């Protein structure tokens, strides 16, 4: 099986290429925006430039059986684009569908699309998890663009022999994680007191190795064809629990002050940080029963082991 991975130099793509390359009988090609040093020398890299409606995939798709499309314009906290939705659509919708149409023409049999839980929405009531069958309710331009890409891909699959598998991850963490997850590790490592000791929300997360394992399964499992899957570690944590277990992975003590969630939310809203408050205090849970039953899939890595891997990488690289 010959697999093309787009976004092969990204957080998910780098690990995916490494794992696929170790699989017996699998040939891997990595598509990247630009050639970069330090990649896997055993894996062919093809520079396709920016993901756009005009990207030429002909060379990258030669002999390919399966495409894993992990490249995207990702969600950012403070987007400076004057019209973010238009920019997201150009890359995540038009760019994705351009790849899919060329994949059909090249005889590719399956495309695994790495979407986002933002297609479902921004949060759930505690104890009420999103499912793959829920009506999409994206609330920001990134989520809208991922939803529209999903719709377009399913239309292409319905009119061709291309099988489409859609995976919607929740927040992904692991060695090399950035953004808020990295900031939390830094705060805990430095012993900074944090006002997050009384948050009783529930959030689903997914370890990088768990997501990659599911993607590998999705490249070949017969029952994955033309299905949507949600993915998580199978254990939902409150922000308070996550910080305590993250501190343990760092061999630190979490200094968490029991500030009520309502007070934190009010303060964050007053400072114009309502979205940050939602991620810290709100719930977002996913139901992965369909993923488990249809694919006979079980997350291979525990939360605590995954946190240890992330913490070890942080201690080596960020100190």
C-alpha atoms as a PDB file:
ATOM      1  CA  UNK A   1       0.000   0.000   0.000  1.00  0.00           C
ATOM      2  CA  UNK A   2       1.354   3.405  -1.013  1.00  0.00           C
ATOM      3  CA  UNK A   3       0.210   6.230   1.267  1.00  0.00           C
ATOM      4  CA  UNK A   4       0.565   9.942   0.583  1.00  0.00           C
ATOM      5  CA  UNK A   5       0.519  12.095   3.727  1.00  0.00           C
ATOM      6  CA  UNK A   6      -0.145  15.803   3.235  1.00  0.00           C
ATOM      7  CA  UNK A   7       1.116  18.132   5.936  1.00  0.00           C
ATOM      8  CA  UNK A   8       3.882  15.602   6.491  1.00  0.00           C
ATOM      9  CA  UNK A   9       6.083  18.055   8.386  1.00  0.00           C
ATOM     10  CA  UNK A  10       3.340  19.104  10.823  1.00  0.00           C
ATOM     11  CA  UNK A  11       2.621  18.008  14.385  1.00  0.00           C
ATOM     12  CA  UNK A  12       0.394  15.088  13.368  1.00  0.00           C
ATOM     13  CA  UNK A  13       1.965  14.444   9.959  1.00  0.00           C
ATOM     14  CA  UNK A  14       5.511  13.978  11.257  1.00  0.00           C
ATOM     15  CA  UNK A  15       4.487  11.266  13.708  1.00  0.00           C
ATOM     16  CA  UNK A  16       2.107   9.655  11.211  1.00  0.00           C
ATOM     17  CA  UNK A  17       4.827   9.342   8.587  1.00  0.00           C
ATOM     18  CA  UNK A  18       7.141   7.773  11.163  1.00  0.00           C
ATOM     19  CA  UNK A  19       4.551   5.182  12.206  1.00  0.00           C
ATOM     20  CA  UNK A  20       3.404   4.354   8.671  1.00  0.00           C
ATOM     21  CA  UNK A  21       6.981   3.960   7.522  1.00  0.00           C
ATOM     22  CA  UNK A  22       7.478   1.260  10.167  1.00  0.00           C
ATOM     23  CA  UNK A  23       4.435  -0.691   8.946  1.00  0.00           C
ATOM     24  CA  UNK A  24       5.220  -3.770   6.886  1.00  0.00           C
ATOM     25  CA  UNK A  25       4.152  -3.487   3.266  1.00  0.00           C
ATOM     26  CA  UNK A  26       3.536   0.273   3.417  1.00  0.00           C
ATOM     27  CA  UNK A  27       5.316   2.819   1.221  1.00  0.00           C
ATOM     28  CA  UNK A  28       5.039   6.428   2.373  1.00  0.00           C
ATOM     29  CA  UNK A  29       5.372   9.724   0.523  1.00  0.00           C
ATOM     30  CA  UNK A  30       5.220  12.994   2.423  1.00  0.00           C
ATOM     31  CA  UNK A  31       3.813  16.118   0.794  1.00  0.00           C
ATOM     32  CA  UNK A  32       5.171  19.341   2.284  1.00  0.00           C
ATOM     33  CA  UNK A  33       4.922  23.055   1.559  1.00  0.00           C
ATOM     34  CA  UNK A  34       8.692  23.306   1.375  1.00  0.00           C
ATOM     35  CA  UNK A  35      11.613  20.945   1.783  1.00  0.00           C
ATOM     36  CA  UNK A  36      12.875  20.928   5.340  1.00  0.00           C
ATOM     37  CA  UNK A  37      15.925  19.545   7.061  1.00  0.00           C
ATOM     38  CA  UNK A  38      15.599  16.928   9.769  1.00  0.00           C
ATOM     39  CA  UNK A  39      12.859  14.873   8.115  1.00  0.00           C
ATOM     40  CA  UNK A  40      12.751  11.110   7.823  1.00  0.00           C
ATOM     41  CA  UNK A  41      15.465  10.205   5.280  1.00  0.00           C
ATOM     42  CA  UNK A  42      13.717   6.901   4.524  1.00  0.00           C
ATOM     43  CA  UNK A  43      10.570   8.698   3.324  1.00  0.00           C
ATOM     44  CA  UNK A  44      10.291  10.486   0.002  1.00  0.00           C
ATOM     45  CA  UNK A  45       9.277  14.132   0.338  1.00  0.00           C
ATOM     46  CA  UNK A  46       7.568  16.096  -2.419  1.00  0.00           C
ATOM     47  CA  UNK A  47       7.317  19.865  -2.280  1.00  0.00           C
ATOM     48  CA  UNK A  48       3.805  20.821  -3.404  1.00  0.00           C
ATOM     49  CA  UNK A  49       3.890  24.410  -2.172  1.00  0.00           C
ATOM     50  CA  UNK A  50       0.930  26.046  -0.475  1.00  0.00           C
ATOM     51  CA  UNK A  51      -2.365  24.188  -0.289  1.00  0.00           C
ATOM     52  CA  UNK A  52      -4.671  25.983  -2.705  1.00  0.00           C
ATOM     53  CA  UNK A  53      -7.269  25.409  -5.442  1.00  0.00           C
ATOM     54  CA  UNK A  54      -4.403  25.527  -7.969  1.00  0.00           C
ATOM     55  CA  UNK A  55      -2.004  23.060  -6.312  1.00  0.00           C
ATOM     56  CA  UNK A  56      -0.667  20.464  -8.763  1.00  0.00           C
ATOM     57  CA  UNK A  57      -0.720  17.054  -7.057  1.00  0.00           C
ATOM     58  CA  UNK A  58       0.161  14.980 -10.141  1.00  0.00           C
ATOM     59  CA  UNK A  59       3.684  14.021  -9.085  1.00  0.00           C
ATOM     60  CA  UNK A  60       2.731  13.356  -5.465  1.00  0.00           C
ATOM     61  CA  UNK A  61      -0.206  11.115  -6.441  1.00  0.00           C
ATOM     62  CA  UNK A  62       1.710   8.779  -8.752  1.00  0.00           C
ATOM     63  CA  UNK A  63       1.108   5.180  -7.680  1.00  0.00           C
ATOM     64  CA  UNK A  64      -0.713   6.234  -4.504  1.00  0.00           C
ATOM     65  CA  UNK A  65      -3.445   4.013  -3.031  1.00  0.00           C
ATOM     66  CA  UNK A  66      -4.424   6.109  -0.009  1.00  0.00           C
ATOM     67  CA  UNK A  67      -4.170   9.809   0.773  1.00  0.00           C
ATOM     68  CA  UNK A  68      -4.156  11.041   4.370  1.00  0.00           C
ATOM     69  CA  UNK A  69      -4.983  14.727   4.155  1.00  0.00           C
ATOM     70  CA  UNK A  70      -3.621  16.380   7.290  1.00  0.00           C
ATOM     71  CA  UNK A  71      -2.588  19.693   5.712  1.00  0.00           C
ATOM     72  CA  UNK A  72      -4.824  22.666   6.482  1.00  0.00           C
ATOM     73  CA  UNK A  73      -5.008  26.290   7.435  1.00  0.00           C
ATOM     74  CA  UNK A  74      -5.318  25.756  11.159  1.00  0.00           C
ATOM     75  CA  UNK A  75      -7.392  27.564  13.734  1.00  0.00           C
ATOM     76  CA  UNK A  76      -5.577  30.512  15.338  1.00  0.00           C
ATOM     77  CA  UNK A  77      -6.618  32.520  18.388  1.00  0.00           C
ATOM     78  CA  UNK A  78      -6.074  35.995  16.923  1.00  0.00           C
ATOM     79  CA  UNK A  79      -6.637  35.755  13.176  1.00  0.00           C
ATOM     80  CA  UNK A  80      -5.417  38.882  11.383  1.00  0.00           C
ATOM     81  CA  UNK A  81      -7.128  38.139   8.049  1.00  0.00           C
ATOM     82  CA  UNK A  82      -9.723  40.764   7.124  1.00  0.00           C
ATOM     83  CA  UNK A  83     -12.087  38.014   5.953  1.00  0.00           C
ATOM     84  CA  UNK A  84     -11.043  34.789   7.745  1.00  0.00           C
ATOM     85  CA  UNK A  85     -13.826  32.633   6.297  1.00  0.00           C
ATOM     86  CA  UNK A  86     -12.800  33.401   2.715  1.00  0.00           C
ATOM     87  CA  UNK A  87      -9.179  32.503   3.486  1.00  0.00           C
ATOM     88  CA  UNK A  88     -10.165  29.305   5.314  1.00  0.00           C
ATOM     89  CA  UNK A  89     -12.431  28.303   2.432  1.00  0.00           C
ATOM     90  CA  UNK A  90      -9.698  28.827  -0.160  1.00  0.00           C
ATOM     91  CA  UNK A  91      -7.308  26.496   1.674  1.00  0.00           C
ATOM     92  CA  UNK A  92      -9.467  24.050   3.622  1.00  0.00           C
ATOM     93  CA  UNK A  93     -12.377  23.700   1.214  1.00  0.00           C
ATOM     94  CA  UNK A  94     -11.251  24.533  -2.319  1.00  0.00           C
ATOM     95  CA  UNK A  95      -7.716  23.241  -1.714  1.00  0.00           C
ATOM     96  CA  UNK A  96      -9.006  19.982  -0.243  1.00  0.00           C
ATOM     97  CA  UNK A  97     -11.542  19.357  -3.003  1.00  0.00           C
ATOM     98  CA  UNK A  98      -8.916  20.096  -5.651  1.00  0.00           C
ATOM     99  CA  UNK A  99      -6.755  17.358  -4.091  1.00  0.00           C
ATOM    100  CA  UNK A 100      -9.699  14.949  -3.963  1.00  0.00           C
ATOM    101  CA  UNK A 101     -10.613  15.466  -7.623  1.00  0.00           C
ATOM    102  CA  UNK A 102      -7.015  14.883  -8.684  1.00  0.00           C
ATOM    103  CA  UNK A 103      -6.920  11.799  -6.428  1.00  0.00           C
ATOM    104  CA  UNK A 104      -9.963  10.412  -8.253  1.00  0.00           C
ATOM    105  CA  UNK A 105      -8.291  11.039 -11.613  1.00  0.00           C
ATOM    106  CA  UNK A 106      -5.117   9.308 -10.380  1.00  0.00           C
ATOM    107  CA  UNK A 107      -7.004   6.192  -9.279  1.00  0.00           C
ATOM    108  CA  UNK A 108      -6.567   6.671  -5.523  1.00  0.00           C
ATOM    109  CA  UNK A 109      -8.962   4.337  -3.698  1.00  0.00           C
ATOM    110  CA  UNK A 110      -9.275   6.081  -0.318  1.00  0.00           C
ATOM    111  CA  UNK A 111      -8.830   9.547   1.189  1.00  0.00           C
ATOM    112  CA  UNK A 112      -8.624   9.948   4.968  1.00  0.00           C
ATOM    113  CA  UNK A 113      -9.539  13.522   5.875  1.00  0.00           C
ATOM    114  CA  UNK A 114      -8.367  14.941   9.204  1.00  0.00           C
ATOM    115  CA  UNK A 115     -11.222  17.264  10.074  1.00  0.00           C
ATOM    116  CA  UNK A 116     -11.994  18.800  13.488  1.00  0.00           C
ATOM    117  CA  UNK A 117     -14.439  18.449  16.358  1.00  0.00           C
ATOM    118  CA  UNK A 118     -15.223  22.109  15.674  1.00  0.00           C
ATOM    119  CA  UNK A 119     -17.525  20.796  12.951  1.00  0.00           C
ATOM    120  CA  UNK A 120     -19.774  19.554  15.774  1.00  0.00           C
ATOM    121  CA  UNK A 121     -19.507  22.779  17.758  1.00  0.00           C
ATOM    122  CA  UNK A 122     -17.635  24.524  20.544  1.00  0.00           C
ATOM    123  CA  UNK A 123     -18.853  22.720  23.623  1.00  0.00           C
ATOM    124  CA  UNK A 124     -21.268  20.329  25.285  1.00  0.00           C
ATOM    125  CA  UNK A 125     -23.262  20.220  28.481  1.00  0.00           C
ATOM    126  CA  UNK A 126     -21.396  18.081  31.007  1.00  0.00           C
ATOM    127  CA  UNK A 127     -22.348  14.449  30.513  1.00  0.00           C
ATOM    128  CA  UNK A 128     -23.757  15.005  27.006  1.00  0.00           C
ATOM    129  CA  UNK A 129     -21.179  14.038  24.396  1.00  0.00           C
ATOM    130  CA  UNK A 130     -21.010  14.814  20.691  1.00  0.00           C
ATOM    131  CA  UNK A 131     -21.511  11.897  18.318  1.00  0.00           C
ATOM    132  CA  UNK A 132     -20.538  11.396  14.686  1.00  0.00           C
ATOM    133  CA  UNK A 133     -24.228  11.483  13.733  1.00  0.00           C
ATOM    134  CA  UNK A 134     -24.973  14.894  15.277  1.00  0.00           C
ATOM    135  CA  UNK A 135     -26.083  17.729  13.011  1.00  0.00           C
ATOM    136  CA  UNK A 136     -22.976  19.919  12.490  1.00  0.00           C
ATOM    137  CA  UNK A 137     -22.992  23.248  14.312  1.00  0.00           C
ATOM    138  CA  UNK A 138     -19.644  24.973  13.653  1.00  0.00           C
ATOM    139  CA  UNK A 139     -19.322  28.369  15.305  1.00  0.00           C
ATOM    140  CA  UNK A 140     -16.184  29.844  13.736  1.00  0.00           C
ATOM    141  CA  UNK A 141     -14.690  30.183  10.227  1.00  0.00           C
ATOM    142  CA  UNK A 142     -12.288  27.272  10.752  1.00  0.00           C
ATOM    143  CA  UNK A 143     -15.087  24.928  11.812  1.00  0.00           C
ATOM    144  CA  UNK A 144     -17.283  26.095   8.934  1.00  0.00           C
ATOM    145  CA  UNK A 145     -14.477  25.447   6.435  1.00  0.00           C
ATOM    146  CA  UNK A 146     -13.895  21.933   7.765  1.00  0.00           C
ATOM    147  CA  UNK A 147     -17.615  21.169   7.587  1.00  0.00           C
ATOM    148  CA  UNK A 148     -17.845  22.427   4.007  1.00  0.00           C
ATOM    149  CA  UNK A 149     -14.803  20.340   3.047  1.00  0.00           C
ATOM    150  CA  UNK A 150     -16.485  17.257   4.547  1.00  0.00           C
ATOM    151  CA  UNK A 151     -19.656  17.919   2.526  1.00  0.00           C
ATOM    152  CA  UNK A 152     -17.676  18.374  -0.678  1.00  0.00           C
ATOM    153  CA  UNK A 153     -15.642  15.219  -0.108  1.00  0.00           C
ATOM    154  CA  UNK A 154     -18.731  13.127   0.493  1.00  0.00           C
ATOM    155  CA  UNK A 155     -20.238  14.454  -2.741  1.00  0.00           C
ATOM    156  CA  UNK A 156     -17.088  13.459  -4.636  1.00  0.00           C
ATOM    157  CA  UNK A 157     -17.163  10.003  -3.027  1.00  0.00           C
ATOM    158  CA  UNK A 158     -20.818   9.557  -4.002  1.00  0.00           C
ATOM    159  CA  UNK A 159     -20.030  10.240  -7.676  1.00  0.00           C
ATOM    160  CA  UNK A 160     -16.759   8.295  -7.938  1.00  0.00           C
ATOM    161  CA  UNK A 161     -14.957   5.200  -6.684  1.00  0.00           C
ATOM    162  CA  UNK A 162     -13.034   7.193  -4.081  1.00  0.00           C
ATOM    163  CA  UNK A 163     -13.701   6.116  -0.488  1.00  0.00           C
ATOM    164  CA  UNK A 164     -13.647   8.976   2.020  1.00  0.00           C
ATOM    165  CA  UNK A 165     -12.972   8.538   5.735  1.00  0.00           C
ATOM    166  CA  UNK A 166     -13.488  11.568   7.977  1.00  0.00           C
ATOM    167  CA  UNK A 167     -11.837  11.808  11.393  1.00  0.00           C
ATOM    168  CA  UNK A 168     -12.730  14.642  13.764  1.00  0.00           C
ATOM    169  CA  UNK A 169     -10.118  14.907  16.525  1.00  0.00           C
ATOM    170  CA  UNK A 170     -10.532  16.833  19.740  1.00  0.00           C
ATOM    171  CA  UNK A 171      -7.510  18.716  21.144  1.00  0.00           C
ATOM    172  CA  UNK A 172      -4.370  16.736  20.274  1.00  0.00           C
ATOM    173  CA  UNK A 173      -1.446  16.662  22.685  1.00  0.00           C
ATOM    174  CA  UNK A 174       1.895  14.913  22.739  1.00  0.00           C
ATOM    175  CA  UNK A 175       5.628  15.497  22.286  1.00  0.00           C
ATOM    176  CA  UNK A 176       6.111  18.881  20.640  1.00  0.00           C
ATOM    177  CA  UNK A 177       2.626  20.207  21.424  1.00  0.00           C
ATOM    178  CA  UNK A 178       2.304  23.990  21.220  1.00  0.00           C
ATOM    179  CA  UNK A 179      -0.151  26.748  22.205  1.00  0.00           C
ATOM    180  CA  UNK A 180      -2.148  26.570  25.456  1.00  0.00           C
ATOM    181  CA  UNK A 181      -1.118  23.020  26.315  1.00  0.00           C
ATOM    182  CA  UNK A 182       2.556  24.013  26.200  1.00  0.00           C
ATOM    183  CA  UNK A 183       1.823  27.145  28.237  1.00  0.00           C
ATOM    184  CA  UNK A 184       0.182  25.050  30.939  1.00  0.00           C
ATOM    185  CA  UNK A 185       3.250  22.808  31.161  1.00  0.00           C
ATOM    186  CA  UNK A 186       5.459  25.871  31.478  1.00  0.00           C
ATOM    187  CA  UNK A 187       3.315  27.351  34.246  1.00  0.00           C
ATOM    188  CA  UNK A 188       3.357  24.083  36.179  1.00  0.00           C
ATOM    189  CA  UNK A 189       7.089  23.600  35.646  1.00  0.00           C
ATOM    190  CA  UNK A 190       7.788  27.076  37.038  1.00  0.00           C
ATOM    191  CA  UNK A 191       5.553  26.524  40.047  1.00  0.00           C
ATOM    192  CA  UNK A 192       3.228  29.406  39.185  1.00  0.00           C
ATOM    193  CA  UNK A 193       0.011  29.389  41.259  1.00  0.00           C
ATOM    194  CA  UNK A 194      -2.973  28.954  38.943  1.00  0.00           C
ATOM    195  CA  UNK A 195      -6.646  29.796  39.693  1.00  0.00           C
ATOM    196  CA  UNK A 196      -7.891  26.493  38.264  1.00  0.00           C
ATOM    197  CA  UNK A 197      -8.382  24.332  41.352  1.00  0.00           C
ATOM    198  CA  UNK A 198     -12.180  24.158  41.330  1.00  0.00           C
ATOM    199  CA  UNK A 199     -13.187  23.518  37.710  1.00  0.00           C
ATOM    200  CA  UNK A 200     -15.668  20.660  37.404  1.00  0.00           C
ATOM    201  CA  UNK A 201     -15.994  20.518  33.613  1.00  0.00           C
ATOM    202  CA  UNK A 202     -15.283  17.507  31.397  1.00  0.00           C
ATOM    203  CA  UNK A 203     -13.174  17.652  28.272  1.00  0.00           C
ATOM    204  CA  UNK A 204     -12.152  14.949  25.825  1.00  0.00           C
ATOM    205  CA  UNK A 205      -8.540  15.012  24.617  1.00  0.00           C
ATOM    206  CA  UNK A 206      -6.603  12.757  22.285  1.00  0.00           C
ATOM    207  CA  UNK A 207      -2.954  11.785  22.587  1.00  0.00           C
ATOM    208  CA  UNK A 208      -0.953  12.137  19.392  1.00  0.00           C
ATOM    209  CA  UNK A 209      -0.156   8.407  19.330  1.00  0.00           C
ATOM    210  CA  UNK A 210      -3.831   7.512  19.766  1.00  0.00           C
ATOM    211  CA  UNK A 211      -4.862   9.740  16.865  1.00  0.00           C
ATOM    212  CA  UNK A 212      -2.088   8.394  14.652  1.00  0.00           C
ATOM    213  CA  UNK A 213      -3.049   4.818  15.509  1.00  0.00           C
ATOM    214  CA  UNK A 214      -6.638   5.465  14.431  1.00  0.00           C
ATOM    215  CA  UNK A 215      -5.495   7.118  11.196  1.00  0.00           C
ATOM    216  CA  UNK A 216      -3.383   4.059  10.363  1.00  0.00           C
ATOM    217  CA  UNK A 217      -6.403   1.824  10.988  1.00  0.00           C
ATOM    218  CA  UNK A 218      -8.555   4.102   8.813  1.00  0.00           C
ATOM    219  CA  UNK A 219      -6.219   3.763   5.826  1.00  0.00           C
ATOM    220  CA  UNK A 220      -7.121   0.095   5.364  1.00  0.00           C
ATOM    221  CA  UNK A 221     -10.079  -1.046   7.476  1.00  0.00           C
ATOM    222  CA  UNK A 222     -12.962  -2.078   5.178  1.00  0.00           C
ATOM    223  CA  UNK A 223     -15.602  -0.733   7.580  1.00  0.00           C
ATOM    224  CA  UNK A 224     -14.060   2.753   7.619  1.00  0.00           C
ATOM    225  CA  UNK A 225     -15.127   3.552   4.061  1.00  0.00           C
ATOM    226  CA  UNK A 226     -17.350   6.630   3.790  1.00  0.00           C
ATOM    227  CA  UNK A 227     -17.738   6.975   7.557  1.00  0.00           C
ATOM    228  CA  UNK A 228     -17.221   9.783  10.073  1.00  0.00           C
ATOM    229  CA  UNK A 229     -15.337   9.006  13.282  1.00  0.00           C
ATOM    230  CA  UNK A 230     -14.762  10.961  16.473  1.00  0.00           C
ATOM    231  CA  UNK A 231     -11.598  10.195  18.404  1.00  0.00           C
ATOM    232  CA  UNK A 232     -10.393  10.700  21.968  1.00  0.00           C
ATOM    233  CA  UNK A 233      -8.411   8.950  24.688  1.00  0.00           C
ATOM    234  CA  UNK A 234     -11.649   7.485  26.069  1.00  0.00           C
ATOM    235  CA  UNK A 235     -11.171   9.284  29.401  1.00  0.00           C
ATOM    236  CA  UNK A 236     -12.618  12.765  29.937  1.00  0.00           C
ATOM    237  CA  UNK A 237     -10.917  15.089  32.413  1.00  0.00           C
ATOM    238  CA  UNK A 238     -11.732  18.340  34.142  1.00  0.00           C
ATOM    239  CA  UNK A 239      -9.222  21.151  33.692  1.00  0.00           C
ATOM    240  CA  UNK A 240      -8.278  20.700  37.346  1.00  0.00           C
ATOM    241  CA  UNK A 241      -7.662  16.964  36.896  1.00  0.00           C
ATOM    242  CA  UNK A 242      -5.646  17.561  33.735  1.00  0.00           C
ATOM    243  CA  UNK A 243      -3.378  20.077  35.446  1.00  0.00           C
ATOM    244  CA  UNK A 244      -2.773  17.781  38.411  1.00  0.00           C
ATOM    245  CA  UNK A 245      -1.907  14.832  36.189  1.00  0.00           C
ATOM    246  CA  UNK A 246       0.220  17.016  33.946  1.00  0.00           C
ATOM    247  CA  UNK A 247       2.119  18.227  37.016  1.00  0.00           C
ATOM    248  CA  UNK A 248       2.674  14.624  38.097  1.00  0.00           C
ATOM    249  CA  UNK A 249       4.094  13.848  34.649  1.00  0.00           C
ATOM    250  CA  UNK A 250       6.512  16.748  35.153  1.00  0.00           C
ATOM    251  CA  UNK A 251       7.353  15.563  38.687  1.00  0.00           C
ATOM    252  CA  UNK A 252       6.010  18.844  40.002  1.00  0.00           C
ATOM    253  CA  UNK A 253       3.316  19.853  42.459  1.00  0.00           C
ATOM    254  CA  UNK A 254       0.380  21.723  40.983  1.00  0.00           C
ATOM    255  CA  UNK A 255      -0.333  24.935  42.886  1.00  0.00           C
ATOM    256  CA  UNK A 256      -4.028  25.297  42.056  1.00  0.00           C
ATOM    257  CA  UNK A 257      -6.185  27.901  43.775  1.00  0.00           C
ATOM    258  CA  UNK A 258      -9.904  26.993  44.156  1.00  0.00           C
ATOM    259  CA  UNK A 259     -11.389  29.975  42.321  1.00  0.00           C
ATOM    260  CA  UNK A 260     -15.017  29.293  41.297  1.00  0.00           C
ATOM    261  CA  UNK A 261     -15.542  28.672  37.582  1.00  0.00           C
ATOM    262  CA  UNK A 262     -18.265  31.328  37.405  1.00  0.00           C
ATOM    263  CA  UNK A 263     -15.850  33.958  38.684  1.00  0.00           C
ATOM    264  CA  UNK A 264     -13.159  32.866  36.221  1.00  0.00           C
ATOM    265  CA  UNK A 265     -15.619  33.003  33.333  1.00  0.00           C
ATOM    266  CA  UNK A 266     -16.872  36.447  34.309  1.00  0.00           C
ATOM    267  CA  UNK A 267     -13.339  37.777  34.576  1.00  0.00           C
ATOM    268  CA  UNK A 268     -12.267  36.282  31.260  1.00  0.00           C
ATOM    269  CA  UNK A 269     -15.345  37.665  29.514  1.00  0.00           C
ATOM    270  CA  UNK A 270     -14.669  41.124  30.940  1.00  0.00           C
ATOM    271  CA  UNK A 271     -11.127  40.921  29.523  1.00  0.00           C
ATOM    272  CA  UNK A 272     -12.378  39.856  26.086  1.00  0.00           C
ATOM    273  CA  UNK A 273     -11.162  36.271  26.565  1.00  0.00           C
ATOM    274  CA  UNK A 274     -14.496  34.471  26.435  1.00  0.00           C
ATOM    275  CA  UNK A 275     -13.238  31.770  24.058  1.00  0.00           C
ATOM    276  CA  UNK A 276     -10.305  31.010  26.369  1.00  0.00           C
ATOM    277  CA  UNK A 277     -12.734  30.794  29.284  1.00  0.00           C
ATOM    278  CA  UNK A 278     -14.831  28.277  27.335  1.00  0.00           C
ATOM    279  CA  UNK A 279     -11.817  26.025  26.808  1.00  0.00           C
ATOM    280  CA  UNK A 280     -10.712  26.219  30.441  1.00  0.00           C
ATOM    281  CA  UNK A 281     -14.084  26.098  32.181  1.00  0.00           C
ATOM    282  CA  UNK A 282     -16.529  24.666  29.657  1.00  0.00           C
ATOM    283  CA  UNK A 283     -17.094  21.034  28.727  1.00  0.00           C
ATOM    284  CA  UNK A 284     -16.493  19.340  25.387  1.00  0.00           C
ATOM    285  CA  UNK A 285     -17.019  15.595  25.350  1.00  0.00           C
ATOM    286  CA  UNK A 286     -17.135  13.138  22.474  1.00  0.00           C
ATOM    287  CA  UNK A 287     -18.627   9.667  22.244  1.00  0.00           C
ATOM    288  CA  UNK A 288     -16.220   7.261  20.520  1.00  0.00           C
ATOM    289  CA  UNK A 289     -18.431   4.171  20.732  1.00  0.00           C
ATOM    290  CA  UNK A 290     -18.914   4.116  16.942  1.00  0.00           C
ATOM    291  CA  UNK A 291     -15.145   4.266  16.455  1.00  0.00           C
ATOM    292  CA  UNK A 292     -14.615   1.443  18.942  1.00  0.00           C
ATOM    293  CA  UNK A 293     -17.329  -0.860  17.607  1.00  0.00           C
ATOM    294  CA  UNK A 294     -17.096  -0.343  13.854  1.00  0.00           C
ATOM    295  CA  UNK A 295     -13.294  -0.496  13.719  1.00  0.00           C
ATOM    296  CA  UNK A 296     -12.654  -2.676  16.794  1.00  0.00           C
ATOM    297  CA  UNK A 297     -10.410   0.168  17.911  1.00  0.00           C
ATOM    298  CA  UNK A 298      -9.159   0.832  21.425  1.00  0.00           C
ATOM    299  CA  UNK A 299      -6.902   3.811  22.290  1.00  0.00           C
ATOM    300  CA  UNK A 300      -3.513   2.114  22.734  1.00  0.00           C
ATOM    301  CA  UNK A 301      -1.982   4.821  24.941  1.00  0.00           C
ATOM    302  CA  UNK A 302      -3.245   5.872  28.375  1.00  0.00           C
ATOM    303  CA  UNK A 303      -3.612   9.526  29.341  1.00  0.00           C
ATOM    304  CA  UNK A 304      -0.890   9.327  31.973  1.00  0.00           C
ATOM    305  CA  UNK A 305       1.582   7.654  29.614  1.00  0.00           C
ATOM    306  CA  UNK A 306       0.854  10.228  26.918  1.00  0.00           C
ATOM    307  CA  UNK A 307       1.339  13.063  29.395  1.00  0.00           C
ATOM    308  CA  UNK A 308       4.672  11.519  30.404  1.00  0.00           C
ATOM    309  CA  UNK A 309       5.790  11.513  26.767  1.00  0.00           C
ATOM    310  CA  UNK A 310       4.765  15.152  26.320  1.00  0.00           C
ATOM    311  CA  UNK A 311       6.436  16.173  29.580  1.00  0.00           C
ATOM    312  CA  UNK A 312       9.662  14.334  28.728  1.00  0.00           C
ATOM    313  CA  UNK A 313       9.869  16.079  25.373  1.00  0.00           C
ATOM    314  CA  UNK A 314       9.175  19.440  27.030  1.00  0.00           C
ATOM    315  CA  UNK A 315      11.904  18.922  29.619  1.00  0.00           C
ATOM    316  CA  UNK A 316      14.449  18.032  26.915  1.00  0.00           C
ATOM    317  CA  UNK A 317      13.536  20.692  24.360  1.00  0.00           C
ATOM    318  CA  UNK A 318      12.026  23.657  26.174  1.00  0.00           C
ATOM    319  CA  UNK A 319      14.340  24.058  29.153  1.00  0.00           C
END
